[in-house]
Amino acid sequence: MLTDPLFLLVLVACGAVALILGLGISTFGKGGADNGKRANKFMRWRIIAQFVAVVVILAFVFIRRQMGG
């Protein structure tokens, strides 16, 4: 499974979501008006990254089922 390029893309997409989430949470923790705006921007990017990750996961599942394995 680790040699499947689409599975690796799933891992990268999930890792990107986790990284963006971590950056957003750490920015929220710093406080301040500027950091609050930056944290909200990270959270918006997280939503986009989550959408992409879900689409990639669904594509992976669909393709795996079509291939029979």
PDB file of N, CA and C in Angstrom:
ATOM      1  N   MET A   1       0.817  -1.188   0.000  1.00  0.00           N
ATOM      2  CA  MET A   1       0.000   0.000   0.000  1.00  0.00           C
ATOM      3  C   MET A   1       0.870   1.266   0.000  1.00  0.00           C
ATOM      4  N   LEU A   2       2.031   1.193   0.614  1.00  0.00           N
ATOM      5  CA  LEU A   2       2.915   2.361   0.663  1.00  0.00           C
ATOM      6  C   LEU A   2       3.526   2.686  -0.694  1.00  0.00           C
ATOM      7  N   THR A   3       3.382   1.787  -1.652  1.00  0.00           N
ATOM      8  CA  THR A   3       3.903   2.058  -2.994  1.00  0.00           C
ATOM      9  C   THR A   3       2.828   2.653  -3.905  1.00  0.00           C
ATOM     10  N   ASP A   4       1.591   2.702  -3.413  1.00  0.00           N
ATOM     11  CA  ASP A   4       0.478   3.256  -4.192  1.00  0.00           C
ATOM     12  C   ASP A   4       0.546   4.786  -4.149  1.00  0.00           C
ATOM     13  N   PRO A   5       0.739   5.437  -5.303  1.00  0.00           N
ATOM     14  CA  PRO A   5       0.868   6.899  -5.321  1.00  0.00           C
ATOM     15  C   PRO A   5      -0.362   7.623  -4.778  1.00  0.00           C
ATOM     16  N   LEU A   6      -1.545   7.080  -5.016  1.00  0.00           N
ATOM     17  CA  LEU A   6      -2.754   7.739  -4.521  1.00  0.00           C
ATOM     18  C   LEU A   6      -2.834   7.637  -2.998  1.00  0.00           C
ATOM     19  N   PHE A   7      -2.387   6.516  -2.436  1.00  0.00           N
ATOM     20  CA  PHE A   7      -2.356   6.381  -0.979  1.00  0.00           C
ATOM     21  C   PHE A   7      -1.361   7.372  -0.382  1.00  0.00           C
ATOM     22  N   LEU A   8      -0.229   7.542  -1.038  1.00  0.00           N
ATOM     23  CA  LEU A   8       0.747   8.527  -0.562  1.00  0.00           C
ATOM     24  C   LEU A   8       0.176   9.932  -0.623  1.00  0.00           C
ATOM     25  N   LEU A   9      -0.625  10.203  -1.644  1.00  0.00           N
ATOM     26  CA  LEU A   9      -1.291  11.504  -1.741  1.00  0.00           C
ATOM     27  C   LEU A   9      -2.286  11.693  -0.598  1.00  0.00           C
ATOM     28  N   VAL A  10      -2.964  10.626  -0.223  1.00  0.00           N
ATOM     29  CA  VAL A  10      -3.871  10.674   0.930  1.00  0.00           C
ATOM     30  C   VAL A  10      -3.090  11.023   2.191  1.00  0.00           C
ATOM     31  N   LEU A  11      -1.945  10.383   2.380  1.00  0.00           N
ATOM     32  CA  LEU A  11      -1.117  10.671   3.553  1.00  0.00           C
ATOM     33  C   LEU A  11      -0.640  12.118   3.561  1.00  0.00           C
ATOM     34  N   VAL A  12      -0.216  12.615   2.415  1.00  0.00           N
ATOM     35  CA  VAL A  12       0.244  14.003   2.324  1.00  0.00           C
ATOM     36  C   VAL A  12      -0.901  14.970   2.617  1.00  0.00           C
ATOM     37  N   ALA A  13      -2.083  14.691   2.080  1.00  0.00           N
ATOM     38  CA  ALA A  13      -3.236  15.564   2.307  1.00  0.00           C
ATOM     39  C   ALA A  13      -3.611  15.590   3.784  1.00  0.00           C
ATOM     40  N   CYS A  14      -3.621  14.437   4.427  1.00  0.00           N
ATOM     41  CA  CYS A  14      -3.950  14.385   5.861  1.00  0.00           C
ATOM     42  C   CYS A  14      -2.868  15.063   6.691  1.00  0.00           C
ATOM     43  N   GLY A  15      -1.622  14.898   6.301  1.00  0.00           N
ATOM     44  CA  GLY A  15      -0.528  15.574   7.001  1.00  0.00           C
ATOM     45  C   GLY A  15      -0.615  17.083   6.862  1.00  0.00           C
ATOM     46  N   ALA A  16      -1.008  17.552   5.689  1.00  0.00           N
ATOM     47  CA  ALA A  16      -1.162  18.992   5.475  1.00  0.00           C
ATOM     48  C   ALA A  16      -2.265  19.554   6.356  1.00  0.00           C
ATOM     49  N   VAL A  17      -3.366  18.817   6.480  1.00  0.00           N
ATOM     50  CA  VAL A  17      -4.464  19.263   7.347  1.00  0.00           C
ATOM     51  C   VAL A  17      -3.967  19.340   8.793  1.00  0.00           C
ATOM     52  N   ALA A  18      -3.253  18.327   9.241  1.00  0.00           N
ATOM     53  CA  ALA A  18      -2.750  18.316  10.617  1.00  0.00           C
ATOM     54  C   ALA A  18      -1.771  19.464  10.860  1.00  0.00           C
ATOM     55  N   LEU A  19      -0.906  19.731   9.895  1.00  0.00           N
ATOM     56  CA  LEU A  19       0.063  20.822  10.029  1.00  0.00           C
ATOM     57  C   LEU A  19      -0.638  22.175  10.105  1.00  0.00           C
ATOM     58  N   ILE A  20      -1.583  22.401   9.213  1.00  0.00           N
ATOM     59  CA  ILE A  20      -2.306  23.674   9.212  1.00  0.00           C
ATOM     60  C   ILE A  20      -3.101  23.831  10.503  1.00  0.00           C
ATOM     61  N   LEU A  21      -3.708  22.747  10.985  1.00  0.00           N
ATOM     62  CA  LEU A  21      -4.444  22.801  12.241  1.00  0.00           C
ATOM     63  C   LEU A  21      -3.514  23.161  13.398  1.00  0.00           C
ATOM     64  N   GLY A  22      -2.352  22.541  13.427  1.00  0.00           N
ATOM     65  CA  GLY A  22      -1.381  22.849  14.478  1.00  0.00           C
ATOM     66  C   GLY A  22      -0.918  24.292  14.438  1.00  0.00           C
ATOM     67  N   LEU A  23      -0.664  24.803  13.241  1.00  0.00           N
ATOM     68  CA  LEU A  23      -0.259  26.200  13.112  1.00  0.00           C
ATOM     69  C   LEU A  23      -1.365  27.140  13.571  1.00  0.00           C
ATOM     70  N   GLY A  24      -2.596  26.826  13.213  1.00  0.00           N
ATOM     71  CA  GLY A  24      -3.718  27.667  13.612  1.00  0.00           C
ATOM     72  C   GLY A  24      -3.919  27.681  15.113  1.00  0.00           C
ATOM     73  N   ILE A  25      -3.851  26.516  15.727  1.00  0.00           N
ATOM     74  CA  ILE A  25      -4.044  26.431  17.174  1.00  0.00           C
ATOM     75  C   ILE A  25      -2.914  27.150  17.910  1.00  0.00           C
ATOM     76  N   SER A  26      -1.679  26.963  17.448  1.00  0.00           N
ATOM     77  CA  SER A  26      -0.566  27.633  18.120  1.00  0.00           C
ATOM     78  C   SER A  26      -0.653  29.148  17.959  1.00  0.00           C
ATOM     79  N   THR A  27      -1.160  29.611  16.830  1.00  0.00           N
ATOM     80  CA  THR A  27      -1.316  31.051  16.619  1.00  0.00           C
ATOM     81  C   THR A  27      -2.423  31.600  17.508  1.00  0.00           C
ATOM     82  N   PHE A  28      -3.505  30.836  17.684  1.00  0.00           N
ATOM     83  CA  PHE A  28      -4.575  31.253  18.598  1.00  0.00           C
ATOM     84  C   PHE A  28      -4.023  31.403  20.019  1.00  0.00           C
ATOM     85  N   GLY A  29      -3.128  30.506  20.396  1.00  0.00           N
ATOM     86  CA  GLY A  29      -2.586  30.501  21.748  1.00  0.00           C
ATOM     87  C   GLY A  29      -1.703  31.693  22.062  1.00  0.00           C
ATOM     88  N   LYS A  30      -1.151  32.337  21.061  1.00  0.00           N
ATOM     89  CA  LYS A  30      -0.264  33.471  21.288  1.00  0.00           C
ATOM     90  C   LYS A  30      -1.031  34.730  21.697  1.00  0.00           C
ATOM     91  N   GLY A  31      -2.291  34.814  21.321  1.00  0.00           N
ATOM     92  CA  GLY A  31      -3.101  35.975  21.666  1.00  0.00           C
ATOM     93  C   GLY A  31      -2.773  37.176  20.795  1.00  0.00           C
ATOM     94  N   GLY A  32      -3.491  38.262  21.015  1.00  0.00           N
ATOM     95  CA  GLY A  32      -3.272  39.476  20.235  1.00  0.00           C
ATOM     96  C   GLY A  32      -4.192  39.543  19.032  1.00  0.00           C
ATOM     97  N   ALA A  33      -4.465  40.767  18.601  1.00  0.00           N
ATOM     98  CA  ALA A  33      -5.391  40.976  17.483  1.00  0.00           C
ATOM     99  C   ALA A  33      -4.814  40.455  16.168  1.00  0.00           C
ATOM    100  N   ASP A  34      -3.533  40.749  15.920  1.00  0.00           N
ATOM    101  CA  ASP A  34      -2.915  40.295  14.669  1.00  0.00           C
ATOM    102  C   ASP A  34      -2.836  38.777  14.608  1.00  0.00           C
ATOM    103  N   ASN A  35      -2.494  38.158  15.723  1.00  0.00           N
ATOM    104  CA  ASN A  35      -2.422  36.701  15.743  1.00  0.00           C
ATOM    105  C   ASN A  35      -3.802  36.073  15.590  1.00  0.00           C
ATOM    106  N   GLY A  36      -4.834  36.734  16.101  1.00  0.00           N
ATOM    107  CA  GLY A  36      -6.192  36.228  15.922  1.00  0.00           C
ATOM    108  C   GLY A  36      -6.593  36.218  14.464  1.00  0.00           C
ATOM    109  N   LYS A  37      -6.239  37.287  13.748  1.00  0.00           N
ATOM    110  CA  LYS A  37      -6.544  37.337  12.312  1.00  0.00           C
ATOM    111  C   LYS A  37      -5.772  36.264  11.561  1.00  0.00           C
ATOM    112  N   ARG A  38      -4.510  36.099  11.929  1.00  0.00           N
ATOM    113  CA  ARG A  38      -3.680  35.086  11.273  1.00  0.00           C
ATOM    114  C   ARG A  38      -4.211  33.684  11.564  1.00  0.00           C
ATOM    115  N   ALA A  39      -4.644  33.457  12.800  1.00  0.00           N
ATOM    116  CA  ALA A  39      -5.186  32.145  13.168  1.00  0.00           C
ATOM    117  C   ALA A  39      -6.459  31.855  12.383  1.00  0.00           C
ATOM    118  N   ASN A  40      -7.307  32.858  12.212  1.00  0.00           N
ATOM    119  CA  ASN A  40      -8.521  32.657  11.416  1.00  0.00           C
ATOM    120  C   ASN A  40      -8.185  32.328   9.970  1.00  0.00           C
ATOM    121  N   LYS A  41      -7.139  32.943   9.462  1.00  0.00           N
ATOM    122  CA  LYS A  41      -6.712  32.640   8.088  1.00  0.00           C
ATOM    123  C   LYS A  41      -6.236  31.189   7.994  1.00  0.00           C
ATOM    124  N   PHE A  42      -5.470  30.741   9.007  1.00  0.00           N
ATOM    125  CA  PHE A  42      -5.045  29.336   9.027  1.00  0.00           C
ATOM    126  C   PHE A  42      -6.247  28.401   9.062  1.00  0.00           C
ATOM    127  N   MET A  43      -7.257  28.755   9.837  1.00  0.00           N
ATOM    128  CA  MET A  43      -8.429  27.895   9.949  1.00  0.00           C
ATOM    129  C   MET A  43      -9.215  27.844   8.631  1.00  0.00           C
ATOM    130  N   ARG A  44      -9.222  28.948   7.901  1.00  0.00           N
ATOM    131  CA  ARG A  44      -9.863  28.924   6.573  1.00  0.00           C
ATOM    132  C   ARG A  44      -9.091  28.001   5.633  1.00  0.00           C
ATOM    133  N   TRP A  45      -7.765  28.091   5.673  1.00  0.00           N
ATOM    134  CA  TRP A  45      -6.941  27.206   4.851  1.00  0.00           C
ATOM    135  C   TRP A  45      -7.133  25.744   5.258  1.00  0.00           C
ATOM    136  N   ARG A  46      -7.358  25.514   6.559  1.00  0.00           N
ATOM    137  CA  ARG A  46      -7.590  24.150   7.036  1.00  0.00           C
ATOM    138  C   ARG A  46      -8.861  23.573   6.433  1.00  0.00           C
ATOM    139  N   ILE A  47      -9.899  24.382   6.352  1.00  0.00           N
ATOM    140  CA  ILE A  47     -11.158  23.908   5.772  1.00  0.00           C
ATOM    141  C   ILE A  47     -10.954  23.519   4.309  1.00  0.00           C
ATOM    142  N   ILE A  48     -10.218  24.329   3.579  1.00  0.00           N
ATOM    143  CA  ILE A  48      -9.926  24.019   2.172  1.00  0.00           C
ATOM    144  C   ILE A  48      -9.110  22.733   2.070  1.00  0.00           C
ATOM    145  N   ALA A  49      -8.093  22.617   2.932  1.00  0.00           N
ATOM    146  CA  ALA A  49      -7.244  21.424   2.921  1.00  0.00           C
ATOM    147  C   ALA A  49      -8.051  20.180   3.295  1.00  0.00           C
ATOM    148  N   GLN A  50      -8.976  20.312   4.239  1.00  0.00           N
ATOM    149  CA  GLN A  50      -9.823  19.179   4.604  1.00  0.00           C
ATOM    150  C   GLN A  50     -10.703  18.758   3.432  1.00  0.00           C
ATOM    151  N   PHE A  51     -11.246  19.716   2.709  1.00  0.00           N
ATOM    152  CA  PHE A  51     -12.065  19.395   1.543  1.00  0.00           C
ATOM    153  C   PHE A  51     -11.245  18.607   0.527  1.00  0.00           C
ATOM    154  N   VAL A  52     -10.042  19.095   0.253  1.00  0.00           N
ATOM    155  CA  VAL A  52      -9.168  18.406  -0.705  1.00  0.00           C
ATOM    156  C   VAL A  52      -8.836  17.004  -0.201  1.00  0.00           C
ATOM    157  N   ALA A  53      -8.547  16.875   1.089  1.00  0.00           N
ATOM    158  CA  ALA A  53      -8.217  15.565   1.653  1.00  0.00           C
ATOM    159  C   ALA A  53      -9.391  14.602   1.528  1.00  0.00           C
ATOM    160  N   VAL A  54     -10.591  15.064   1.790  1.00  0.00           N
ATOM    161  CA  VAL A  54     -11.771  14.200   1.684  1.00  0.00           C
ATOM    162  C   VAL A  54     -11.981  13.761   0.237  1.00  0.00           C
ATOM    163  N   VAL A  55     -11.797  14.676  -0.699  1.00  0.00           N
ATOM    164  CA  VAL A  55     -11.947  14.325  -2.119  1.00  0.00           C
ATOM    165  C   VAL A  55     -10.903  13.283  -2.518  1.00  0.00           C
ATOM    166  N   VAL A  56      -9.678  13.456  -2.066  1.00  0.00           N
ATOM    167  CA  VAL A  56      -8.614  12.499  -2.394  1.00  0.00           C
ATOM    168  C   VAL A  56      -8.910  11.134  -1.767  1.00  0.00           C
ATOM    169  N   ILE A  57      -9.394  11.132  -0.524  1.00  0.00           N
ATOM    170  CA  ILE A  57      -9.732   9.869   0.133  1.00  0.00           C
ATOM    171  C   ILE A  57     -10.867   9.167  -0.602  1.00  0.00           C
ATOM    172  N   LEU A  58     -11.892   9.910  -0.982  1.00  0.00           N
ATOM    173  CA  LEU A  58     -13.000   9.309  -1.725  1.00  0.00           C
ATOM    174  C   LEU A  58     -12.537   8.770  -3.080  1.00  0.00           C
ATOM    175  N   ALA A  59     -11.652   9.498  -3.746  1.00  0.00           N
ATOM    176  CA  ALA A  59     -11.108   9.018  -5.022  1.00  0.00           C
ATOM    177  C   ALA A  59     -10.316   7.737  -4.816  1.00  0.00           C
ATOM    178  N   PHE A  60      -9.539   7.690  -3.741  1.00  0.00           N
ATOM    179  CA  PHE A  60      -8.754   6.493  -3.432  1.00  0.00           C
ATOM    180  C   PHE A  60      -9.674   5.292  -3.221  1.00  0.00           C
ATOM    181  N   VAL A  61     -10.729   5.466  -2.425  1.00  0.00           N
ATOM    182  CA  VAL A  61     -11.664   4.384  -2.151  1.00  0.00           C
ATOM    183  C   VAL A  61     -12.367   3.953  -3.431  1.00  0.00           C
ATOM    184  N   PHE A  62     -12.821   4.912  -4.220  1.00  0.00           N
ATOM    185  CA  PHE A  62     -13.528   4.596  -5.462  1.00  0.00           C
ATOM    186  C   PHE A  62     -12.623   3.812  -6.422  1.00  0.00           C
ATOM    187  N   ILE A  63     -11.409   4.286  -6.612  1.00  0.00           N
ATOM    188  CA  ILE A  63     -10.487   3.619  -7.540  1.00  0.00           C
ATOM    189  C   ILE A  63     -10.122   2.227  -7.041  1.00  0.00           C
ATOM    190  N   ARG A  64      -9.904   2.089  -5.722  1.00  0.00           N
ATOM    191  CA  ARG A  64      -9.578   0.776  -5.163  1.00  0.00           C
ATOM    192  C   ARG A  64     -10.728  -0.206  -5.369  1.00  0.00           C
ATOM    193  N   ARG A  65     -11.958   0.248  -5.200  1.00  0.00           N
ATOM    194  CA  ARG A  65     -13.106  -0.642  -5.395  1.00  0.00           C
ATOM    195  C   ARG A  65     -13.267  -1.030  -6.854  1.00  0.00           C
ATOM    196  N   GLN A  66     -12.983  -0.092  -7.758  1.00  0.00           N
ATOM    197  CA  GLN A  66     -13.101  -0.389  -9.186  1.00  0.00           C
ATOM    198  C   GLN A  66     -12.055  -1.411  -9.620  1.00  0.00           C
ATOM    199  N   MET A  67     -10.901  -1.366  -8.969  1.00  0.00           N
ATOM    200  CA  MET A  67      -9.815  -2.286  -9.329  1.00  0.00           C
ATOM    201  C   MET A  67      -9.968  -3.639  -8.636  1.00  0.00           C
ATOM    202  N   GLY A  68     -10.917  -3.721  -7.711  1.00  0.00           N
ATOM    203  CA  GLY A  68     -11.175  -4.998  -7.061  1.00  0.00           C
ATOM    204  C   GLY A  68     -10.222  -5.335  -5.947  1.00  0.00           C
ATOM    205  N   GLY A  69      -9.654  -4.327  -5.318  1.00  0.00           N
ATOM    206  CA  GLY A  69      -8.741  -4.715  -4.246  1.00  0.00           C
ATOM    207  C   GLY A  69      -8.422  -3.609  -3.374  1.00  0.00           C
TER     208      GLY A  69
END
